[in-house]
């Protein structure tokens, strides 16, 4: 009970410390949206002046900069991100609520690829150091880090959908439709985690307590999983926290390529259309994800290593 109370106090302290970060992100995003050239109602065929004036008045764009900013902060405090300029009749909050579960699902599936491929590959590569298996795993890791996700996604669509016709190329209409985008999003990160895991495991394998565990006659599986992996997991956890948020925020292009109706595809459309409220709303949601990811990483550290609490 005391431990739960300690974690709860720590969580709320870190959450309060994250509020200024979100305030800075919201402010910078608002300033950038107003500073960049162009506007949300700029078109190849210019609107009549009276219609343009009515639109600007409707969305308070005719107000002074400071008044617009205060109005925006007031809306945020009330939990209102404003109406979309391009998706007429829809609020930004409604769009985010509709698309957020899709992006989170895709990010979670990509994280399964990262953890399920990267960590076992890194452990096995370190255990078989300088062998053919080690070289093959590190070749995959280097290839995964070097190849951008949008290139991998294009290759997967060409190979798995058009040539082999095993999986659907796009849309989000069932479990089969999520396989290719999850692999395209998670595979590059799994290469990075594999390299990181290999380095951490090699360092632990050279420790004295590992030699002692082997001298006691423990099985290699016990030495590798209970003693080695447990003590080499900390640098991996420190990366997995921000990486979780990065998988969601990095899904912009993947969602666009595979026509996944997540926040990323709406964000790209919003940037193209200069939809200020939608851009600022999605950016703020991603900032919240990063703040929470860092908090949970710190809690995981304390749970795995009691010395951190000291």
Protein backbone atom coordinates (compact mmCIF):
# COMPACT_ATOMS: atom_id res chain seq x y z
CA UNK A 1 0.00 0.00 0.00
CA UNK A 2 2.84 2.37 0.88
CA UNK A 3 4.57 1.52 -2.39
CA UNK A 4 1.42 2.29 -4.42
CA UNK A 5 1.09 5.61 -2.62
CA UNK A 6 4.73 6.40 -3.39
CA UNK A 7 4.25 5.65 -7.09
CA UNK A 8 1.04 7.72 -7.18
CA UNK A 9 2.76 10.74 -5.61
CA UNK A 10 5.67 10.42 -8.02
CA UNK A 11 3.29 10.12 -10.98
CA UNK A 12 1.35 13.27 -10.10
CA UNK A 13 4.55 15.23 -9.43
CA UNK A 14 5.91 14.32 -12.83
CA UNK A 15 2.53 15.03 -14.40
CA UNK A 16 2.53 18.52 -12.93
CA UNK A 17 6.07 19.08 -14.18
CA UNK A 18 4.88 18.10 -17.67
CA UNK A 19 2.24 20.86 -17.79
CA UNK A 20 4.81 23.63 -18.55
CA UNK A 21 6.16 21.45 -21.37
CA UNK A 22 2.70 21.15 -22.90
CA UNK A 23 2.19 24.90 -22.49
CA UNK A 24 5.43 25.62 -24.37
CA UNK A 25 4.51 23.15 -27.13
CA UNK A 26 1.04 24.69 -27.52
CA UNK A 27 2.49 28.22 -27.59
CA UNK A 28 5.23 27.43 -30.11
CA UNK A 29 2.81 25.59 -32.38
CA UNK A 30 0.38 28.50 -32.27
CA UNK A 31 3.13 31.01 -33.11
CA UNK A 32 4.50 28.90 -35.97
CA UNK A 33 1.04 28.49 -37.49
CA UNK A 34 0.57 32.26 -37.51
CA UNK A 35 4.09 33.14 -38.68
CA UNK A 36 4.43 30.83 -41.71
CA UNK A 37 3.35 32.41 -45.02
CA UNK A 38 -0.11 31.68 -46.35
CA UNK A 39 -3.40 31.07 -44.63
CA UNK A 40 -6.09 28.41 -44.26
CA UNK A 41 -8.36 30.05 -46.85
CA UNK A 42 -5.75 30.76 -49.52
CA UNK A 43 -6.74 29.09 -52.77
CA UNK A 44 -5.69 29.17 -56.40
CA UNK A 45 -8.94 30.95 -57.12
CA UNK A 46 -9.17 33.73 -54.58
CA UNK A 47 -12.35 34.07 -52.55
CA UNK A 48 -14.37 37.27 -52.82
CA UNK A 49 -13.25 39.78 -50.16
CA UNK A 50 -16.59 39.75 -48.32
CA UNK A 51 -16.61 35.93 -48.04
CA UNK A 52 -12.98 35.89 -46.86
CA UNK A 53 -13.79 38.56 -44.25
CA UNK A 54 -16.76 36.53 -42.99
CA UNK A 55 -14.63 33.38 -42.67
CA UNK A 56 -11.89 35.20 -40.79
CA UNK A 57 -14.46 36.76 -38.46
CA UNK A 58 -16.10 33.38 -37.85
CA UNK A 59 -12.82 31.81 -36.72
CA UNK A 60 -11.50 34.97 -34.96
CA UNK A 61 -8.64 35.32 -37.45
CA UNK A 62 -9.38 39.03 -37.82
CA UNK A 63 -8.55 39.62 -34.16
CA UNK A 64 -5.10 40.84 -33.01
CA UNK A 65 -2.47 38.15 -32.47
CA UNK A 66 -2.59 38.40 -28.65
CA UNK A 67 -6.39 38.11 -28.60
CA UNK A 68 -6.25 35.00 -30.80
CA UNK A 69 -3.67 33.44 -28.49
CA UNK A 70 -5.68 34.12 -25.33
CA UNK A 71 -8.81 32.76 -26.98
CA UNK A 72 -6.88 29.61 -27.98
CA UNK A 73 -5.59 29.08 -24.41
CA UNK A 74 -9.10 29.58 -23.04
CA UNK A 75 -10.40 26.88 -25.38
CA UNK A 76 -7.62 24.47 -24.35
CA UNK A 77 -8.34 24.94 -20.65
CA UNK A 78 -11.98 24.11 -21.37
CA UNK A 79 -10.96 21.00 -23.31
CA UNK A 80 -12.07 22.50 -26.64
CA UNK A 81 -9.56 22.46 -29.52
CA UNK A 82 -11.84 24.39 -31.82
CA UNK A 83 -13.51 23.55 -35.14
CA UNK A 84 -11.64 22.25 -38.15
CA UNK A 85 -11.28 24.76 -40.98
CA UNK A 86 -11.45 22.14 -43.72
CA UNK A 87 -13.64 19.37 -42.27
CA UNK A 88 -16.70 21.55 -42.03
CA UNK A 89 -19.03 20.69 -39.17
CA UNK A 90 -16.44 18.67 -37.24
CA UNK A 91 -14.51 19.72 -34.16
CA UNK A 92 -10.84 18.85 -33.77
CA UNK A 93 -11.63 16.98 -30.57
CA UNK A 94 -14.10 14.73 -32.42
CA UNK A 95 -11.57 14.03 -35.19
CA UNK A 96 -8.89 13.11 -32.65
CA UNK A 97 -11.27 10.86 -30.70
CA UNK A 98 -12.16 9.04 -33.93
CA UNK A 99 -8.58 8.61 -35.17
CA UNK A 100 -6.60 8.22 -31.95
CA UNK A 101 -7.61 4.56 -31.34
CA UNK A 102 -6.43 3.66 -34.85
CA UNK A 103 -3.02 5.30 -34.35
CA UNK A 104 -2.62 3.73 -30.91
CA UNK A 105 -3.51 0.29 -32.28
CA UNK A 106 -1.00 0.64 -35.11
CA UNK A 107 1.66 1.90 -32.68
CA UNK A 108 0.98 -1.01 -30.31
CA UNK A 109 1.28 -3.58 -33.09
CA UNK A 110 4.50 -1.93 -34.28
CA UNK A 111 5.83 -2.08 -30.70
CA UNK A 112 5.14 -5.84 -30.68
CA UNK A 113 7.32 -6.09 -33.78
CA UNK A 114 10.04 -3.98 -32.12
CA UNK A 115 10.12 -5.96 -28.88
CA UNK A 116 9.33 -9.38 -30.35
CA UNK A 117 12.06 -9.13 -32.98
CA UNK A 118 14.62 -6.67 -31.62
CA UNK A 119 15.22 -8.00 -28.09
CA UNK A 120 15.47 -11.75 -28.93
CA UNK A 121 17.66 -10.94 -31.91
CA UNK A 122 19.97 -8.78 -29.79
CA UNK A 123 20.24 -11.39 -27.02
CA UNK A 124 20.94 -14.24 -29.43
CA UNK A 125 23.42 -12.13 -31.38
CA UNK A 126 25.36 -11.31 -28.20
CA UNK A 127 25.26 -14.93 -27.04
CA UNK A 128 26.64 -16.08 -30.41
CA UNK A 129 29.12 -13.24 -30.72
CA UNK A 130 31.21 -13.20 -33.93
CA UNK A 131 29.29 -16.15 -35.39
CA UNK A 132 27.29 -16.28 -38.61
CA UNK A 133 24.12 -15.72 -36.57
CA UNK A 134 25.66 -12.59 -35.03
CA UNK A 135 26.63 -11.21 -38.44
CA UNK A 136 23.21 -11.98 -39.91
CA UNK A 137 21.41 -10.30 -37.00
CA UNK A 138 23.63 -7.21 -37.18
CA UNK A 139 23.15 -7.06 -40.96
CA UNK A 140 19.39 -6.98 -40.36
CA UNK A 141 19.82 -4.34 -37.66
CA UNK A 142 21.98 -2.12 -39.88
CA UNK A 143 19.58 -2.57 -42.79
CA UNK A 144 16.62 -1.73 -40.57
CA UNK A 145 18.25 1.44 -39.27
CA UNK A 146 19.36 2.54 -42.74
CA UNK A 147 16.17 1.95 -44.72
CA UNK A 148 13.44 4.55 -44.07
CA UNK A 149 10.03 3.23 -43.10
CA UNK A 150 8.32 4.70 -46.17
CA UNK A 151 10.77 2.86 -48.46
CA UNK A 152 10.18 -0.38 -46.57
CA UNK A 153 6.43 0.18 -46.74
CA UNK A 154 6.54 0.66 -50.50
CA UNK A 155 8.63 -2.50 -50.95
CA UNK A 156 6.26 -4.50 -48.74
CA UNK A 157 3.24 -3.37 -50.76
CA UNK A 158 4.97 -4.27 -54.02
CA UNK A 159 6.17 -7.68 -52.79
CA UNK A 160 3.49 -8.93 -50.40
CA UNK A 161 0.45 -7.45 -52.15
CA UNK A 162 1.14 -7.06 -55.86
CA UNK A 163 3.61 -9.89 -56.48
CA UNK A 164 2.70 -12.57 -53.94
CA UNK A 165 -0.84 -11.33 -53.20
CA UNK A 166 -0.67 -12.54 -49.62
CA UNK A 167 -1.85 -9.42 -47.84
CA UNK A 168 -4.05 -6.42 -48.72
CA UNK A 169 -2.07 -3.33 -49.76
CA UNK A 170 -4.03 -0.64 -47.92
CA UNK A 171 -7.05 0.42 -45.83
CA UNK A 172 -7.94 -0.59 -42.27
CA UNK A 173 -10.74 -3.13 -42.40
CA UNK A 174 -9.55 -6.04 -40.29
CA UNK A 175 -6.54 -7.76 -38.71
CA UNK A 176 -4.98 -8.69 -42.08
CA UNK A 177 -4.91 -5.04 -43.08
CA UNK A 178 -2.75 -4.11 -40.07
CA UNK A 179 0.13 -6.53 -40.73
CA UNK A 180 2.00 -4.62 -43.45
CA UNK A 181 1.81 -1.16 -41.82
CA UNK A 182 2.84 -2.60 -38.45
CA UNK A 183 5.88 -4.30 -39.99
CA UNK A 184 6.80 -1.20 -42.01
CA UNK A 185 6.59 0.98 -38.91
CA UNK A 186 8.21 -1.39 -36.41
CA UNK A 187 10.98 -3.09 -38.41
CA UNK A 188 13.38 -0.10 -38.57
CA UNK A 189 13.06 0.44 -34.81
CA UNK A 190 13.55 -3.28 -34.15
CA UNK A 191 16.97 -3.02 -35.80
CA UNK A 192 17.94 -0.22 -33.43
CA UNK A 193 16.69 -2.16 -30.39
CA UNK A 194 18.60 -5.26 -31.57
CA UNK A 195 21.89 -3.33 -31.66
CA UNK A 196 21.21 -1.73 -28.29
CA UNK A 197 20.28 -5.07 -26.71
CA UNK A 198 23.38 -6.74 -28.11
CA UNK A 199 25.67 -4.07 -26.62
CA UNK A 200 23.95 -4.22 -23.23
CA UNK A 201 23.96 -8.04 -23.09
CA UNK A 202 27.64 -8.25 -24.11
CA UNK A 203 28.56 -5.91 -21.27
CA UNK A 204 26.64 -8.00 -18.74
CA UNK A 205 27.99 -11.31 -20.05
CA UNK A 206 31.49 -10.11 -19.21
CA UNK A 207 30.55 -9.45 -15.57
CA UNK A 208 31.87 -11.47 -12.65
CA UNK A 209 28.45 -12.54 -11.38
CA UNK A 210 27.68 -14.18 -14.75
CA UNK A 211 30.88 -16.24 -14.49
CA UNK A 212 29.86 -17.12 -10.92
CA UNK A 213 26.39 -18.21 -12.05
CA UNK A 214 27.93 -20.47 -14.69
CA UNK A 215 30.42 -21.86 -12.18
CA UNK A 216 27.48 -22.88 -9.99
CA UNK A 217 26.27 -25.09 -12.83
CA UNK A 218 23.16 -23.10 -13.75
CA UNK A 219 21.66 -23.81 -17.13
CA UNK A 220 22.54 -21.41 -19.91
CA UNK A 221 18.87 -20.50 -20.37
CA UNK A 222 18.66 -19.45 -16.71
CA UNK A 223 21.92 -17.50 -16.93
CA UNK A 224 20.83 -15.79 -20.12
CA UNK A 225 17.24 -14.93 -19.20
CA UNK A 226 17.24 -14.53 -15.42
CA UNK A 227 20.65 -13.00 -14.82
CA UNK A 228 21.83 -11.49 -18.10
CA UNK A 229 18.67 -10.08 -19.65
CA UNK A 230 17.31 -8.83 -16.33
CA UNK A 231 20.43 -6.77 -15.67
CA UNK A 232 20.77 -5.48 -19.23
CA UNK A 233 17.16 -4.34 -19.64
CA UNK A 234 17.60 -0.82 -18.20
CA UNK A 235 19.06 0.93 -21.27
CA UNK A 236 16.43 -0.82 -23.38
CA UNK A 237 13.59 0.44 -21.17
CA UNK A 238 14.97 3.98 -21.25
CA UNK A 239 14.65 3.88 -25.05
CA UNK A 240 11.34 2.01 -25.26
CA UNK A 241 9.45 4.79 -23.46
CA UNK A 242 10.11 7.61 -25.92
CA UNK A 243 10.13 5.02 -28.71
CA UNK A 244 6.51 4.14 -27.92
CA UNK A 245 5.50 7.74 -28.48
CA UNK A 246 7.82 7.86 -31.49
CA UNK A 247 6.03 4.92 -33.09
CA UNK A 248 2.74 6.78 -32.86
CA UNK A 249 4.17 10.13 -33.98
CA UNK A 250 6.26 8.47 -36.67
CA UNK A 251 3.27 6.84 -38.30
CA UNK A 252 2.42 9.91 -40.43
CA UNK A 253 3.89 8.59 -43.66
CA UNK A 254 2.98 4.96 -42.97
CA UNK A 255 -0.66 5.85 -42.38
CA UNK A 256 -0.64 7.90 -45.57
CA UNK A 257 0.96 5.10 -47.65
CA UNK A 258 -1.40 2.40 -46.39
CA UNK A 259 -4.48 4.68 -46.23
CA UNK A 260 -4.86 4.06 -42.51
CA UNK A 261 -7.49 6.44 -41.05
CA UNK A 262 -5.34 7.51 -38.10
CA UNK A 263 -4.17 10.85 -36.77
CA UNK A 264 -1.10 10.80 -38.99
CA UNK A 265 -3.01 10.84 -42.26
CA UNK A 266 -5.28 13.61 -40.96
CA UNK A 267 -2.22 15.55 -39.82
CA UNK A 268 -0.66 15.45 -43.29
CA UNK A 269 -3.94 16.63 -44.82
CA UNK A 270 -4.17 19.37 -42.20
CA UNK A 271 -0.65 20.61 -42.99
CA UNK A 272 -1.46 20.67 -46.70
CA UNK A 273 -4.69 22.59 -46.08
CA UNK A 274 -3.28 24.87 -43.36
CA UNK A 275 -5.95 23.62 -40.95
CA UNK A 276 -4.53 25.44 -37.91
CA UNK A 277 -6.72 23.94 -35.14
CA UNK A 278 -6.22 20.36 -36.36
CA UNK A 279 -2.44 20.78 -36.65
CA UNK A 280 -2.20 22.27 -33.17
CA UNK A 281 -4.54 19.67 -31.68
CA UNK A 282 -2.68 16.65 -33.11
CA UNK A 283 0.70 18.14 -32.13
CA UNK A 284 -0.50 18.64 -28.57
CA UNK A 285 -1.78 15.05 -28.36
CA UNK A 286 1.62 13.75 -29.47
CA UNK A 287 3.31 15.95 -26.84
CA UNK A 288 1.05 14.45 -24.17
CA UNK A 289 2.03 10.94 -25.33
CA UNK A 290 5.73 11.75 -25.01
CA UNK A 291 5.26 13.19 -21.51
CA UNK A 292 3.34 10.10 -20.34
CA UNK A 293 5.87 7.76 -21.97
CA UNK A 294 8.74 9.37 -20.05
CA UNK A 295 6.79 9.17 -16.79
CA UNK A 296 6.09 5.46 -17.22
CA UNK A 297 9.75 4.82 -18.07
CA UNK A 298 10.77 6.38 -14.74
CA UNK A 299 8.18 4.29 -12.89
CA UNK A 300 9.42 1.13 -14.63
CA UNK A 301 12.97 2.00 -13.58
CA UNK A 302 11.91 2.32 -9.94
CA UNK A 303 9.94 -0.92 -10.08
CA UNK A 304 12.83 -2.91 -11.58
CA UNK A 305 15.62 -1.35 -9.54
CA UNK A 306 14.75 -0.23 -5.97
CA UNK A 307 18.03 1.73 -5.82
CA UNK A 308 16.50 4.31 -8.18
CA UNK A 309 14.00 5.35 -5.50
CA UNK A 310 16.89 6.18 -3.20
